[in-house]
N, C-alpha and C. Protein backbone atom coordinates (compact mmCIF):
# COMPACT_ATOMS: atom_id res chain seq x y z
N MET A 1 0.57 -0.92 -0.26
CA MET A 1 -0.19 0.13 0.30
C MET A 1 0.61 1.36 0.30
N LYS A 2 1.66 1.17 -1.06
CA LYS A 2 2.66 2.01 -0.85
C LYS A 2 2.55 3.66 -1.76
N GLY A 3 2.56 5.07 -1.08
CA GLY A 3 1.78 6.15 -0.55
C GLY A 3 0.56 6.14 0.04
N ARG A 4 -0.23 5.70 0.20
CA ARG A 4 -1.20 4.91 1.33
C ARG A 4 -1.13 5.44 2.80
N SER A 5 -2.09 5.79 3.42
CA SER A 5 -2.31 5.87 4.33
C SER A 5 -2.55 4.78 5.28
N ALA A 6 -1.68 4.02 6.83
CA ALA A 6 -2.46 3.88 7.16
C ALA A 6 -3.28 3.52 8.23
N LEU A 7 -3.44 4.87 8.04
CA LEU A 7 -4.23 5.47 9.48
C LEU A 7 -5.92 4.20 9.59
N PHE A 8 -6.64 3.66 8.49
CA PHE A 8 -7.41 2.63 9.25
C PHE A 8 -7.69 2.46 7.63
N VAL A 9 -7.93 1.04 7.22
CA VAL A 9 -8.82 0.07 6.30
C VAL A 9 -9.87 -0.59 7.06
N GLU A 10 -11.02 -0.65 6.48
CA GLU A 10 -12.28 -1.85 6.88
C GLU A 10 -12.82 -2.82 5.42
N MET A 11 -13.55 -3.35 5.92
CA MET A 11 -14.09 -3.93 4.62
C MET A 11 -15.64 -4.30 4.57
N SER A 12 -16.01 -3.90 4.31
CA SER A 12 -17.33 -3.87 2.98
C SER A 12 -17.86 -5.05 3.47
N LYS A 13 -19.16 -5.01 3.65
CA LYS A 13 -20.10 -6.54 4.13
C LYS A 13 -20.22 -7.43 2.37
N ASP A 14 -19.57 -6.87 1.38
CA ASP A 14 -19.50 -7.93 0.83
C ASP A 14 -17.97 -8.05 -0.07
N GLY A 15 -16.91 -7.44 1.06
CA GLY A 15 -15.50 -7.93 1.17
C GLY A 15 -15.15 -6.71 0.31
N VAL A 16 -15.54 -5.62 0.57
CA VAL A 16 -14.75 -4.27 -0.57
C VAL A 16 -13.91 -4.13 -0.21
N GLN A 17 -12.68 -3.82 -0.09
CA GLN A 17 -11.59 -2.46 0.71
C GLN A 17 -12.38 -1.34 0.22
N CYS A 18 -12.60 -0.77 1.87
CA CYS A 18 -13.44 1.01 2.16
C CYS A 18 -12.18 1.34 2.88
N GLY A 19 -12.87 2.78 2.71
CA GLY A 19 -12.30 3.75 3.66
C GLY A 19 -11.02 3.95 4.19
N ALA A 20 -9.87 3.14 2.84
CA ALA A 20 -9.08 3.92 2.86
C ALA A 20 -8.39 5.36 2.56
N MET A 21 -7.84 6.12 3.56
CA MET A 21 -7.50 7.53 3.25
C MET A 21 -5.71 7.96 2.33
N THR A 22 -5.92 8.51 1.63
CA THR A 22 -4.07 9.06 1.35
C THR A 22 -3.54 10.34 3.04
N ASN A 23 -3.12 10.46 2.30
CA ASN A 23 -2.45 11.17 3.35
C ASN A 23 -3.02 12.73 3.68
N ARG A 24 -3.20 13.54 2.13
CA ARG A 24 -3.58 14.38 1.66
C ARG A 24 -5.05 14.31 2.61
N GLN A 25 -5.61 12.64 2.39
CA GLN A 25 -7.02 13.06 3.11
C GLN A 25 -7.28 13.26 4.12
N SER A 26 -6.62 12.46 4.78
CA SER A 26 -6.69 12.76 6.64
C SER A 26 -5.96 14.11 6.54
N THR A 27 -5.13 15.30 6.04
CA THR A 27 -4.59 16.03 6.55
C THR A 27 -5.99 17.43 6.33
N TRP A 28 -6.86 17.17 5.48
CA TRP A 28 -7.93 17.66 4.95
C TRP A 28 -8.67 17.24 6.42
N TYR A 29 -8.40 15.73 6.49
CA TYR A 29 -10.53 15.80 7.73
C TYR A 29 -10.01 16.27 8.77
N ILE A 30 -8.60 16.23 8.95
CA ILE A 30 -8.28 16.40 10.51
C ILE A 30 -8.55 18.23 10.27
N ILE A 31 -7.93 19.27 9.10
CA ILE A 31 -8.25 20.69 9.98
C ILE A 31 -9.76 20.52 9.48
N VAL A 32 -10.81 20.43 8.71
CA VAL A 32 -12.18 20.09 8.86
C VAL A 32 -12.87 20.08 10.12
N HIS A 33 -12.27 18.90 10.49
CA HIS A 33 -12.95 19.30 11.74
C HIS A 33 -12.50 19.77 12.59
N GLY A 34 -11.40 20.20 12.82
CA GLY A 34 -10.63 20.81 13.74
C GLY A 34 -11.68 22.78 13.34
N VAL A 35 -11.41 23.19 12.45
CA VAL A 35 -12.55 23.92 12.23
C VAL A 35 -13.56 24.63 12.74
N ALA A 36 -14.08 22.86 12.39
CA ALA A 36 -15.43 23.29 13.14
C ALA A 36 -15.90 23.12 13.92
N ALA A 37 -14.72 22.22 15.15
CA ALA A 37 -14.76 22.65 16.57
C ALA A 37 -14.04 23.96 17.48
N PHE A 38 -13.42 24.46 16.31
CA PHE A 38 -13.34 25.68 16.56
C PHE A 38 -14.35 26.82 17.02
N GLY A 39 -15.17 26.56 15.41
CA GLY A 39 -16.58 27.77 14.96
C GLY A 39 -17.49 26.97 15.88
N THR A 40 -17.60 25.70 16.88
CA THR A 40 -18.60 25.84 18.20
C THR A 40 -18.21 26.65 19.42
N LEU A 41 -16.89 26.17 19.17
CA LEU A 41 -16.08 27.04 20.40
C LEU A 41 -16.91 28.37 20.98
N LEU A 42 -16.61 28.90 19.26
CA LEU A 42 -16.92 30.59 19.16
C LEU A 42 -17.95 30.83 19.71
N VAL A 43 -19.01 30.09 19.17
CA VAL A 43 -20.21 30.46 19.41
C VAL A 43 -20.44 30.31 20.72
N VAL A 44 -20.58 29.17 21.19
CA VAL A 44 -20.51 29.30 23.26
C VAL A 44 -20.44 30.61 23.69
N ILE A 45 -18.86 30.26 23.41
CA ILE A 45 -18.63 31.93 23.94
C ILE A 45 -18.89 32.86 23.68
N VAL A 46 -19.54 33.64 22.74
CA VAL A 46 -20.08 34.81 22.26
C VAL A 46 -21.88 34.86 22.70
N ALA A 47 -22.45 33.66 23.06
CA ALA A 47 -23.53 33.29 23.35
C ALA A 47 -23.32 33.18 24.95
N LEU A 48 -22.04 32.90 25.91
CA LEU A 48 -21.98 33.19 26.79
C LEU A 48 -21.70 34.91 27.54
N PHE A 49 -20.43 35.26 26.69
CA PHE A 49 -19.63 36.32 27.46
C PHE A 49 -19.77 37.80 25.78
N GLY A 50 -20.85 37.72 25.16
CA GLY A 50 -21.06 38.36 23.98
C GLY A 50 -21.29 39.49 24.67
N ASP A 51 -22.21 39.89 25.81
CA ASP A 51 -22.23 41.18 26.46
C ASP A 51 -21.59 41.75 27.30
N TYR A 52 -20.14 40.85 27.47
CA TYR A 52 -19.39 41.40 28.04
C TYR A 52 -17.79 41.55 26.58
N LEU A 53 -17.72 41.13 25.85
CA LEU A 53 -17.36 41.58 25.28
C LEU A 53 -17.53 42.43 24.46
N LYS A 54 -19.12 42.43 24.40
CA LYS A 54 -19.12 43.99 23.12
C LYS A 54 -18.72 44.84 24.18
N PRO A 55 -18.27 46.21 23.11
CA PRO A 55 -17.52 47.47 24.10
C PRO A 55 -18.93 48.11 24.57
N LYS A 56 -18.84 48.89 25.13
CA LYS A 56 -20.30 49.82 25.86
C LYS A 56 -20.27 51.49 25.06
N PRO A 57 -21.31 51.68 25.01
CA PRO A 57 -21.57 53.14 24.82
C PRO A 57 -20.60 54.02 25.58
N ALA A 58 -19.99 55.21 24.84
CA ALA A 58 -19.42 56.14 25.90
C ALA A 58 -20.46 57.70 25.67
N LEU A 59 -21.21 57.92 27.09
CA LEU A 59 -22.13 59.19 26.85
C LEU A 59 -21.13 60.18 27.22
N ASP A 60 -21.49 61.44 26.73
CA ASP A 60 -20.81 62.58 26.64
C ASP A 60 -22.46 63.08 26.72
N LEU A 61 -22.26 64.66 27.89
CA LEU A 61 -22.75 65.58 27.47
C LEU A 61 -22.06 67.23 27.34
N ARG A 62 -23.31 67.64 26.88
CA ARG A 62 -22.05 69.31 26.84
C ARG A 62 -23.21 70.14 26.49
N LEU A 63 -23.10 71.16 26.58
CA LEU A 63 -23.93 72.30 26.40
C LEU A 63 -24.11 73.03 25.06
N LEU A 64 -25.94 72.91 24.32
CA LEU A 64 -25.86 72.59 22.79
C LEU A 64 -25.53 74.72 22.84
N SER A 65 -25.94 75.49 23.53
CA SER A 65 -25.32 76.60 23.28
C SER A 65 -25.68 77.63 24.69
N ASP A 66 -24.94 78.96 25.03
CA ASP A 66 -24.77 79.52 26.18
C ASP A 66 -26.23 80.65 25.58
N THR A 67 -26.09 80.67 24.05
CA THR A 67 -27.30 81.96 23.80
C THR A 67 -28.56 81.10 23.66
N GLY A 68 -28.88 80.15 23.95
CA GLY A 68 -30.28 79.42 23.90
C GLY A 68 -30.76 79.69 22.23
N GLU A 69 -32.03 79.14 22.07
CA GLU A 69 -32.84 79.01 21.09
C GLU A 69 -34.30 79.56 21.37
N ARG A 70 -34.28 80.49 20.78
CA ARG A 70 -35.31 81.47 20.76
C ARG A 70 -36.83 80.98 20.14
N VAL A 71 -38.00 81.19 21.18
CA VAL A 71 -38.94 80.31 21.12
C VAL A 71 -40.51 80.98 20.89
N LYS A 72 -40.93 80.66 21.05
CA LYS A 72 -42.72 81.18 21.15
C LYS A 72 -44.04 80.05 21.76
N PHE A 73 -43.75 80.56 22.82
CA PHE A 73 -44.83 79.63 23.88
C PHE A 73 -46.16 79.60 23.10
N THR A 74 -47.55 78.63 23.34
CA THR A 74 -48.68 78.88 22.83
C THR A 74 -49.37 80.09 23.08
N ASP A 75 -48.72 80.57 23.81
CA ASP A 75 -49.83 81.77 24.38
C ASP A 75 -49.73 83.00 24.15
N GLY A 76 -48.30 82.82 23.06
CA GLY A 76 -47.90 84.02 22.63
C GLY A 76 -46.34 84.79 22.96
N THR A 77 -46.23 84.44 23.92
CA THR A 77 -45.30 84.77 24.79
C THR A 77 -44.21 84.56 23.86
N GLU A 78 -42.75 85.40 24.18
CA GLU A 78 -41.43 84.93 23.19
C GLU A 78 -40.36 84.25 23.85
N GLY A 79 -39.74 83.23 24.19
CA GLY A 79 -38.82 82.32 25.20
C GLY A 79 -37.59 82.28 24.85
N ARG A 80 -36.39 81.80 25.84
CA ARG A 80 -35.39 80.73 25.32
C ARG A 80 -35.03 79.55 25.96
N PHE A 81 -34.91 78.54 25.06
CA PHE A 81 -34.95 77.05 25.70
C PHE A 81 -32.87 76.89 25.16
N TYR A 82 -32.99 76.52 26.80
CA TYR A 82 -31.37 75.85 26.41
C TYR A 82 -31.76 74.40 26.76
N PHE A 83 -30.07 74.01 26.38
CA PHE A 83 -30.20 72.43 25.71
C PHE A 83 -29.21 71.79 26.20
N LEU A 84 -29.34 70.39 26.76
CA LEU A 84 -27.51 70.26 27.01
C LEU A 84 -28.36 68.69 26.21
N ARG A 85 -27.23 68.58 25.48
CA ARG A 85 -26.94 67.26 24.54
C ARG A 85 -26.20 66.46 24.32
N VAL A 86 -26.91 65.27 24.85
CA VAL A 86 -26.54 63.99 25.27
C VAL A 86 -26.51 63.21 24.09
N GLU A 87 -24.24 62.96 23.57
CA GLU A 87 -23.93 62.09 22.48
C GLU A 87 -23.54 61.06 22.91
N ASN A 88 -23.38 60.33 22.11
CA ASN A 88 -22.36 58.53 22.19
C ASN A 88 -21.65 58.12 21.35
N GLY A 89 -20.11 58.45 21.89
CA GLY A 89 -19.38 58.01 20.85
C GLY A 89 -19.18 57.10 20.42
N ARG A 90 -19.72 56.36 20.54
CA ARG A 90 -19.19 54.40 20.01
C ARG A 90 -20.98 54.69 19.72
N ARG A 91 -21.47 55.35 18.41
CA ARG A 91 -22.75 55.48 17.79
C ARG A 91 -23.01 54.26 17.81
N TRP A 92 -22.08 53.48 16.79
CA TRP A 92 -22.77 51.70 16.13
C TRP A 92 -23.27 51.01 17.69
N THR A 93 -22.76 51.23 18.86
CA THR A 93 -23.57 50.40 19.96
C THR A 93 -24.09 51.70 20.77
N LYS A 94 -25.59 51.40 20.48
CA LYS A 94 -26.33 51.68 21.85
C LYS A 94 -26.93 52.02 22.87
N ALA A 95 -26.43 53.09 23.36
CA ALA A 95 -26.69 53.26 24.75
C ALA A 95 -28.62 52.83 25.29
N THR A 96 -29.10 51.79 25.57
CA THR A 96 -30.77 51.81 25.39
C THR A 96 -31.30 52.36 26.99
N SER A 97 -32.39 52.37 26.78
CA SER A 97 -33.26 53.06 28.16
C SER A 97 -32.64 53.99 28.45
N ALA A 98 -32.50 54.70 28.10
CA ALA A 98 -31.14 56.12 28.50
C ALA A 98 -31.83 57.37 28.83
N GLY A 99 -31.63 58.50 29.50
CA GLY A 99 -32.45 59.30 29.39
C GLY A 99 -30.88 60.69 30.71
N LEU A 100 -31.49 61.65 30.73
CA LEU A 100 -30.94 62.69 31.46
C LEU A 100 -31.57 62.74 32.32
N HIS A 101 -30.46 62.80 33.31
CA HIS A 101 -31.13 63.11 34.83
C HIS A 101 -30.53 64.49 35.85
N MET A 102 -31.35 64.67 36.43
CA MET A 102 -30.40 66.02 37.42
C MET A 102 -30.69 65.12 38.91
N LEU A 103 -29.49 65.63 39.16
CA LEU A 103 -29.06 64.66 40.65
C LEU A 103 -29.09 65.91 42.52
N ARG A 104 -29.03 66.98 41.55
CA ARG A 104 -28.09 68.04 42.72
C ARG A 104 -28.93 69.88 42.39
N LEU A 105 -29.28 70.15 43.08
CA LEU A 105 -30.05 71.85 43.04
C LEU A 105 -28.78 72.59 43.99
N GLU A 106 -27.80 73.63 43.93
CA GLU A 106 -27.11 74.30 44.56
C GLU A 106 -28.09 76.00 44.88
N ARG A 107 -27.50 76.15 46.02
CA ARG A 107 -28.02 77.78 45.59
C ARG A 107 -26.58 78.34 46.66
N ARG A 108 -26.69 79.73 46.24
CA ARG A 108 -25.73 80.43 46.92
C ARG A 108 -25.73 80.70 48.51
N GLY A 109 -24.72 80.69 48.93
CA GLY A 109 -24.30 80.11 50.74
C GLY A 109 -24.16 81.88 51.16
N PRO A 110 -23.98 81.71 52.42
CA PRO A 110 -23.62 83.17 53.03
C PRO A 110 -22.46 83.57 52.85
N ASP A 111 -21.34 82.23 52.43
CA ASP A 111 -20.33 82.95 52.43
C ASP A 111 -19.88 82.94 50.43
N GLY A 112 -20.92 83.05 49.88
CA GLY A 112 -20.63 82.82 48.49
C GLY A 112 -20.71 81.62 47.65
N GLY A 113 -20.31 80.62 48.44
CA GLY A 113 -20.09 79.66 47.59
C GLY A 113 -21.45 78.82 47.35
N TRP A 114 -21.04 77.64 46.74
CA TRP A 114 -22.67 77.05 46.64
C TRP A 114 -22.88 76.09 47.69
N VAL A 115 -23.83 75.61 47.72
CA VAL A 115 -24.59 74.83 49.15
C VAL A 115 -26.00 74.07 48.33
N THR A 116 -25.64 72.98 48.78
CA THR A 116 -27.25 72.01 48.77
C THR A 116 -28.89 72.54 48.79
N GLU A 117 -29.17 72.80 47.90
CA GLU A 117 -30.63 72.90 48.15
C GLU A 117 -31.42 71.62 48.08
N TRP A 118 -31.48 70.68 47.46
CA TRP A 118 -32.28 69.37 46.59
C TRP A 118 -30.90 68.83 46.55
N ALA A 119 -31.23 67.44 46.97
CA ALA A 119 -30.40 66.12 46.28
C ALA A 119 -31.68 65.10 45.95
N GLY A 120 -31.48 64.15 44.47
CA GLY A 120 -32.13 63.31 44.86
C GLY A 120 -31.91 62.53 42.88
N ASP A 121 -33.30 62.50 42.55
CA ASP A 121 -33.00 61.83 41.35
C ASP A 121 -33.97 62.59 40.68
N VAL A 122 -34.01 63.18 39.10
CA VAL A 122 -34.93 63.01 38.56
C VAL A 122 -34.84 62.99 37.27
N GLN A 123 -35.71 62.84 35.97
CA GLN A 123 -35.72 62.82 34.61
C GLN A 123 -35.70 64.29 33.99
N ILE A 124 -35.02 64.46 33.26
CA ILE A 124 -35.25 65.39 32.36
C ILE A 124 -35.99 65.25 31.05
N GLN A 125 -36.97 66.42 30.37
CA GLN A 125 -38.02 65.95 29.58
C GLN A 125 -36.75 66.77 28.03
N CYS A 126 -36.68 65.45 27.40
CA CYS A 126 -36.16 65.87 25.87
C CYS A 126 -36.52 66.87 25.03
N ARG A 127 -36.01 67.18 24.00
CA ARG A 127 -37.29 68.25 23.17
C ARG A 127 -38.02 67.53 22.85
N ASP A 128 -39.24 68.06 22.56
CA ASP A 128 -40.52 67.48 21.67
C ASP A 128 -40.70 65.80 22.67
N GLN A 129 -40.78 66.18 24.31
CA GLN A 129 -40.89 65.52 24.58
C GLN A 129 -42.14 64.00 24.05
N PHE A 130 -43.13 64.76 24.20
CA PHE A 130 -44.24 64.19 23.97
C PHE A 130 -44.83 63.85 22.06
N LEU A 131 -43.42 63.38 21.62
CA LEU A 131 -43.26 62.80 20.85
C LEU A 131 -42.58 60.70 20.97
N TYR A 132 -42.49 61.26 22.28
CA TYR A 132 -41.29 60.03 22.47
C TYR A 132 -41.35 59.54 24.00
N PRO A 133 -41.19 57.95 23.69
CA PRO A 133 -41.06 57.25 25.44
C PRO A 133 -39.52 57.99 26.32
N LEU A 134 -39.91 57.68 27.78
CA LEU A 134 -39.76 58.53 28.44
C LEU A 134 -37.71 58.29 28.36
N GLN A 135 -38.21 56.99 28.34
CA GLN A 135 -36.52 56.46 27.93
C GLN A 135 -36.11 56.44 26.89
N ARG A 136 -35.22 56.77 26.00
CA ARG A 136 -34.59 56.67 24.84
C ARG A 136 -33.36 55.93 24.78
N ASP A 137 -33.05 54.80 23.41
CA ASP A 137 -32.15 54.65 22.86
C ASP A 137 -31.02 55.07 21.91
N ILE A 138 -30.17 55.58 22.75
CA ILE A 138 -29.15 56.56 22.44
C ILE A 138 -28.19 56.11 21.52
N GLY A 139 -28.06 56.66 20.13
CA GLY A 139 -26.91 56.31 19.29
C GLY A 139 -27.03 57.41 18.28
N SER A 140 -27.84 58.47 17.90
CA SER A 140 -27.63 59.91 17.73
C SER A 140 -28.20 60.54 18.59
N PRO A 141 -27.08 62.07 18.18
CA PRO A 141 -27.66 63.25 19.43
C PRO A 141 -28.83 63.04 20.09
N ILE A 142 -29.28 63.32 21.31
CA ILE A 142 -30.87 63.88 21.60
C ILE A 142 -30.74 65.05 22.49
N ASP A 143 -31.31 66.25 22.61
CA ASP A 143 -31.10 67.08 22.64
C ASP A 143 -32.09 66.98 24.37
N TYR A 144 -31.92 67.75 25.14
CA TYR A 144 -33.06 68.39 26.62
C TYR A 144 -33.22 69.14 27.06
N GLU A 145 -34.12 69.51 27.35
CA GLU A 145 -34.27 70.82 28.00
C GLU A 145 -34.21 71.21 29.54
N VAL A 146 -33.36 71.37 29.81
CA VAL A 146 -32.57 72.30 30.83
C VAL A 146 -33.68 73.19 31.38
N LEU A 147 -33.33 74.20 30.45
CA LEU A 147 -34.67 75.47 31.33
C LEU A 147 -34.44 75.95 30.37
N SER A 148 -35.70 77.22 30.34
CA SER A 148 -36.55 78.41 29.86
C SER A 148 -36.50 79.37 30.65
N VAL A 149 -36.46 80.70 29.76
CA VAL A 149 -36.71 81.58 30.07
C VAL A 149 -38.31 82.68 29.17
N ARG A 150 -38.48 83.07 29.98
CA ARG A 150 -40.21 83.29 29.46
C ARG A 150 -40.34 84.94 29.41
N ASP A 151 -41.03 85.87 28.32
CA ASP A 151 -40.69 86.87 28.58
C ASP A 151 -42.26 86.89 29.19
N ALA A 152 -42.85 86.63 30.26
CA ALA A 152 -44.20 86.75 30.96
C ALA A 152 -44.25 88.33 31.64
N THR A 153 -45.01 88.05 32.41
CA THR A 153 -45.16 89.83 32.75
C THR A 153 -45.06 89.18 35.24
N PRO A 154 -44.52 88.69 35.18
CA PRO A 154 -42.80 89.40 35.23
C PRO A 154 -42.52 88.64 34.54
N PRO A 155 -41.38 88.45 34.06
CA PRO A 155 -40.07 87.14 33.32
C PRO A 155 -40.17 85.82 33.97
N GLU A 156 -40.49 84.79 33.62
CA GLU A 156 -40.04 83.65 34.40
C GLU A 156 -39.21 82.53 33.69
N LEU A 157 -38.37 82.14 34.92
CA LEU A 157 -37.21 81.25 34.37
C LEU A 157 -37.97 80.05 35.23
N ARG A 158 -37.84 78.96 34.29
CA ARG A 158 -38.37 77.00 34.81
C ARG A 158 -37.42 76.30 34.14
N LEU A 159 -37.32 75.44 35.25
CA LEU A 159 -36.46 74.33 34.35
C LEU A 159 -37.60 72.87 34.10
N TYR A 160 -37.26 71.46 33.63
CA TYR A 160 -37.67 71.07 32.83
C TYR A 160 -37.47 69.67 33.43
N PRO A 161 -37.81 69.39 34.74
CA PRO A 161 -38.25 67.59 34.91
C PRO A 161 -39.42 67.25 34.63
N ILE A 162 -39.61 65.99 34.37
CA ILE A 162 -40.98 65.19 33.55
C ILE A 162 -41.98 64.99 35.03
N PHE A 163 -40.95 64.78 36.43
CA PHE A 163 -41.78 64.70 37.41
C PHE A 163 -40.78 65.46 38.42
N VAL A 164 -42.00 66.41 38.98
CA VAL A 164 -41.42 67.27 40.73
C VAL A 164 -41.90 66.89 41.96
N PRO A 165 -40.04 66.64 41.99
CA PRO A 165 -40.49 66.45 43.54
C PRO A 165 -41.64 67.64 44.62
N THR A 166 -42.23 67.53 45.04
CA THR A 166 -42.97 68.54 46.23
C THR A 166 -41.75 69.87 46.92
N ASN A 167 -40.57 68.92 46.85
CA ASN A 167 -39.77 69.85 47.60
C ASN A 167 -38.09 70.36 47.36
N LEU A 168 -38.60 70.44 45.18
CA LEU A 168 -37.98 70.82 44.52
C LEU A 168 -38.67 71.97 43.62
N THR A 169 -37.38 72.97 43.70
CA THR A 169 -38.29 74.35 42.99
C THR A 169 -37.99 74.33 41.51
N VAL A 170 -38.79 74.30 40.74
CA VAL A 170 -38.45 74.59 39.45
C VAL A 170 -38.96 75.69 38.57
N VAL A 171 -39.61 77.40 39.22
CA VAL A 171 -39.91 78.26 38.15
C VAL A 171 -40.07 78.83 39.41
N THR A 172 -39.41 80.69 38.98
CA THR A 172 -39.34 81.48 40.00
C THR A 172 -39.77 82.78 38.98
N LYS A 173 -39.47 83.84 39.25
CA LYS A 173 -39.82 84.90 38.71
C LYS A 173 -39.30 86.31 39.47
N GLN A 174 -38.07 86.00 39.98
CA GLN A 174 -37.13 86.40 40.74
C GLN A 174 -35.62 86.03 40.09
N LYS A 175 -35.04 87.17 40.82
CA LYS A 175 -33.72 86.71 40.66
C LYS A 175 -32.58 85.27 41.07
N TRP A 176 -32.64 84.12 40.14
CA TRP A 176 -32.36 83.06 41.03
C TRP A 176 -30.45 82.67 39.96
N GLU A 177 -29.44 82.06 41.35
CA GLU A 177 -28.57 81.49 40.49
C GLU A 177 -27.94 80.25 41.76
N PHE A 178 -28.30 79.37 40.09
CA PHE A 178 -27.83 78.31 41.18
C PHE A 178 -26.66 77.68 40.12
N VAL A 179 -26.46 76.33 40.51
CA VAL A 179 -26.11 75.60 40.62
C VAL A 179 -26.51 74.12 40.34
N ALA A 180 -27.01 73.15 38.91
CA ALA A 180 -27.87 72.25 39.06
C ALA A 180 -26.20 70.89 37.92
N TRP A 181 -26.66 69.71 38.67
CA TRP A 181 -25.79 68.37 38.87
C TRP A 181 -26.86 67.60 37.62
N PHE A 182 -26.19 67.39 36.08
CA PHE A 182 -26.64 66.33 35.34
C PHE A 182 -25.89 65.48 35.22
N GLN A 183 -26.25 64.28 34.69
CA GLN A 183 -25.98 63.61 34.70
C GLN A 183 -27.03 62.72 33.43
N ALA A 184 -25.95 62.01 32.09
CA ALA A 184 -26.61 60.93 31.83
C ALA A 184 -26.97 59.34 31.87
N LYS A 185 -27.54 58.58 31.65
CA LYS A 185 -28.01 57.21 32.55
C LYS A 185 -28.81 56.39 31.50
N SER A 186 -27.72 55.32 31.27
CA SER A 186 -28.57 54.26 30.65
C SER A 186 -28.45 52.98 31.59
N SER A 187 -28.87 51.65 30.23
CA SER A 187 -28.93 50.52 30.36
C SER A 187 -27.43 49.94 30.87
N GLU A 188 -26.41 50.35 29.90
CA GLU A 188 -25.38 50.41 30.24
C GLU A 188 -24.32 50.74 30.73
N VAL A 189 -23.89 51.97 30.63
CA VAL A 189 -23.47 52.95 31.36
C VAL A 189 -23.94 54.18 31.30
N ASP A 190 -23.26 55.46 32.17
CA ASP A 190 -23.16 56.53 32.84
C ASP A 190 -22.45 57.20 32.14
N SER A 191 -22.95 58.82 31.80
CA SER A 191 -21.94 59.96 31.42
C SER A 191 -21.03 60.73 32.89
N ASP A 192 -19.74 60.82 32.94
CA ASP A 192 -19.81 61.28 34.16
C ASP A 192 -20.31 62.94 34.26
N VAL A 193 -21.25 63.07 35.63
CA VAL A 193 -21.21 64.21 35.60
C VAL A 193 -21.50 65.82 35.62
N VAL A 194 -21.99 66.82 35.28
CA VAL A 194 -21.96 67.68 34.53
C VAL A 194 -22.44 68.91 35.33
N ARG A 195 -22.01 69.82 35.74
CA ARG A 195 -21.97 70.59 37.10
C ARG A 195 -22.54 72.25 36.20
N LEU A 196 -24.00 72.59 35.78
CA LEU A 196 -24.37 73.31 35.22
C LEU A 196 -24.68 74.85 36.19
N GLN A 197 -23.99 75.73 35.83
CA GLN A 197 -23.85 77.24 36.27
C GLN A 197 -24.72 77.64 35.87
N VAL A 198 -25.94 78.42 36.57
CA VAL A 198 -26.85 79.42 35.85
C VAL A 198 -27.57 80.89 37.01
N LEU A 199 -26.96 81.87 36.52
CA LEU A 199 -26.75 83.09 36.82
C LEU A 199 -28.38 83.95 36.30
N TRP A 200 -29.19 84.23 36.36
CA TRP A 200 -30.62 85.63 35.92
C TRP A 200 -30.95 85.76 37.11
N ASP A 201 -30.33 87.21 36.48
CA ASP A 201 -30.97 88.65 37.30
C ASP A 201 -32.29 89.07 37.22
N GLY A 202 -33.01 87.96 36.71
CA GLY A 202 -34.65 88.38 36.76
C GLY A 202 -35.17 88.95 35.77
N LEU A 203 -34.65 89.52 34.54
CA LEU A 203 -34.69 90.16 33.42
C LEU A 203 -35.43 89.33 32.09
N TRP A 204 -35.81 89.98 31.47
CA TRP A 204 -35.73 89.73 29.33
C TRP A 204 -35.43 90.42 28.55
N GLU A 205 -34.97 90.30 27.20
CA GLU A 205 -34.85 90.98 26.62
C GLU A 205 -34.68 89.90 25.18
N SER A 206 -35.68 90.69 24.67
CA SER A 206 -35.58 90.09 22.96
C SER A 206 -34.78 89.30 22.47
N GLY A 207 -33.14 90.45 22.63
CA GLY A 207 -32.37 90.54 21.46
C GLY A 207 -31.14 89.22 22.01
N GLU A 208 -30.17 88.46 21.31
CA GLU A 208 -29.39 87.24 21.94
C GLU A 208 -28.74 88.37 22.69
N GLU A 209 -27.51 88.93 21.90
CA GLU A 209 -26.90 89.34 23.13
C GLU A 209 -27.26 90.24 23.99
N GLU A 210 -28.35 91.16 23.87
CA GLU A 210 -28.80 91.44 25.59
C GLU A 210 -29.00 90.75 25.98
N MET A 211 -29.76 89.54 25.95
CA MET A 211 -30.36 88.47 26.88
C MET A 211 -28.81 87.54 27.64
N GLN A 212 -27.76 87.66 26.69
CA GLN A 212 -26.64 87.60 27.62
C GLN A 212 -26.31 88.33 28.63
N THR A 213 -26.78 89.80 28.67
CA THR A 213 -26.04 90.22 29.82
C THR A 213 -27.53 89.70 30.88
N HIS A 214 -28.16 88.89 30.99
CA HIS A 214 -29.74 89.13 31.71
C HIS A 214 -29.65 87.23 32.54
N LEU A 215 -29.32 86.23 31.34
CA LEU A 215 -28.52 84.85 31.64
C LEU A 215 -27.48 84.56 31.30
N LYS A 216 -26.46 84.18 31.92
CA LYS A 216 -25.67 83.44 31.89
C LYS A 216 -25.24 82.31 32.50
N ILE A 217 -24.83 81.59 31.34
CA ILE A 217 -24.81 79.86 31.70
C ILE A 217 -23.31 79.13 31.33
N LYS A 218 -23.41 78.36 31.82
CA LYS A 218 -21.86 77.61 31.13
C LYS A 218 -21.59 76.44 32.33
N PRO A 219 -21.00 75.46 32.07
CA PRO A 219 -20.20 74.43 32.74
C PRO A 219 -19.08 74.42 33.30
N LEU A 220 -19.08 74.17 34.99
CA LEU A 220 -18.68 74.47 35.37
C LEU A 220 -17.05 73.42 35.61
N HIS A 221 -16.01 72.88 36.25
CA HIS A 221 -14.64 71.99 36.15
C HIS A 221 -15.00 71.71 37.74
N PRO A 222 -15.75 70.18 37.78
CA PRO A 222 -15.78 69.48 38.59
C PRO A 222 -14.92 70.12 40.04
N SER A 223 -13.77 70.83 40.29
CA SER A 223 -13.64 71.30 41.27
C SER A 223 -13.97 72.95 41.81
N SER A 224 -14.90 72.81 40.74
CA SER A 224 -14.60 74.90 40.65
C SER A 224 -15.71 75.23 41.75
N SER A 225 -16.08 76.43 42.54
CA SER A 225 -16.67 76.88 43.46
C SER A 225 -17.46 78.27 42.74
């Protein structure tokens, strides 16, 4: 049996030799079955550990504009909305059941520093919230309505939590200086906390530059006071 493999030789019921393999055939036999076994192993690994191997979303918050967006309310009065944008740095991996949350509200203390007025966890409504579920999947950016100033009589500043705790002030018609803490949360990952400082002198003007003299809004460095 020169040139034949001695791997195995079987006889059929009719006494005919069968099942003999060449060296090349036996090599391919081993390769094919090895690849199949490796593929099966990969399927098992993905089934067991797929959620751990997949990269997590990367949520980030930024102030969309410090000048706000001019709007007209249903009662005909003018105003400006100020938005925080939630972005996902890995758009191919969606952040599921996501939303923007306010965690703390601070006011000026006697020494000029910030002291906690309210602490908790309330979800903030997104732009055109009535069109969407309370929690959304974030692949593309989503804008959330942090606050508005309205040309009422007198002018009014309002925050936009979806549900309002009884001990949280969300609307005022007087001068208001505060720092609000925000964080985007999802089933997979949370963003860093962003502290947003708002200084409003209680006045309204329709011009963009003029309004910036009455309301100043900016993110604070974590160590700022």
